[in-house]
């Protein structure tokens, strides 16, 4: 019986694709890294795969990992250190170890918002998989953005069969255009795998209404959102995706909110899973708008406000 999550079932096509391209080999599971919100992505994918009898082998040990190799550019002492520090070397060796010791039928790179010029970890995982394996590569549901990178260069010379999933149409259009002349890459749409989870899958014992939660990001994806809503006190202001000490604490903080005001995609998704009223705001590019339109627009308790009246990069 399929696990339906928040009434969203379209991620099933993702599991069927992974199973089909892996054949009789193992599925190598790669975590690009991230914050507590990305942990929801990993848990959702794990549940999805289990319900479709896919038993992935992890690239490295650990619940939530950063599997991306370092950036291969040296512009100073810090870059040189990051290139050769112990953690970076071990991440690269993990790919080599599975190349030698594991019957890898397909590589699955978990989705998120990491295949872009903001963070880049998904691109580095993809390039590492291409370096080490000649099997199919499935990129989980992504939001992509390129300002300095020509995305055609990411796929140049790639001979692997690549199934690239996007979680909204703006990103699918970008990848489809970048790979239009690339015969081994196909693009697909699927919901963010966190939407496969239900409240029963979360580490929370009680869902209460103790405060209004304002969880806005302060990094380079922020569109400097200005809240014009009347927010009922008491008000708890905290970017729980990065400020909470653990994934469990992140979930509990959202579970205690009466209403969630956030420009964090997985703050909005977590609130949706918990059945909370969510005021969801745009970020610096099309990610939030696109996922809202594709996956959340039919959720009555979740409303979307563009970033300060902008189009959130939806047209470019």
Foldseek 3Di string as FASTA:
>chain_A
DAQQFLVFDQCLVVLVVQPVQLDPFAEEEAEQADFLLVLLLVLLVVSSNVVVVHDHDYLDDDSTDNLFAQDPDDDDDVSVCSNPPPVNVVSLVSLVCCLPPGRGSEYEYTEEAQVEPVHPSSLRVLVSCQVRDQGEYEYHAYAYYYDPDQVLVSCPPRPYQYEYEHAFDLRQVSVCVSCVVPVRYDYYYGHRSSSSDAPVSALDDAQAADAEEEAEDDDPFALPADDPDDGDDPYDYYNLRHPPPDSNRSLHVLSHHQEYEYQDQSSQSSNSNSVHQYEYEATQACVNVGNCVRPNVPRPSYDYDYRVPDPRNSPD
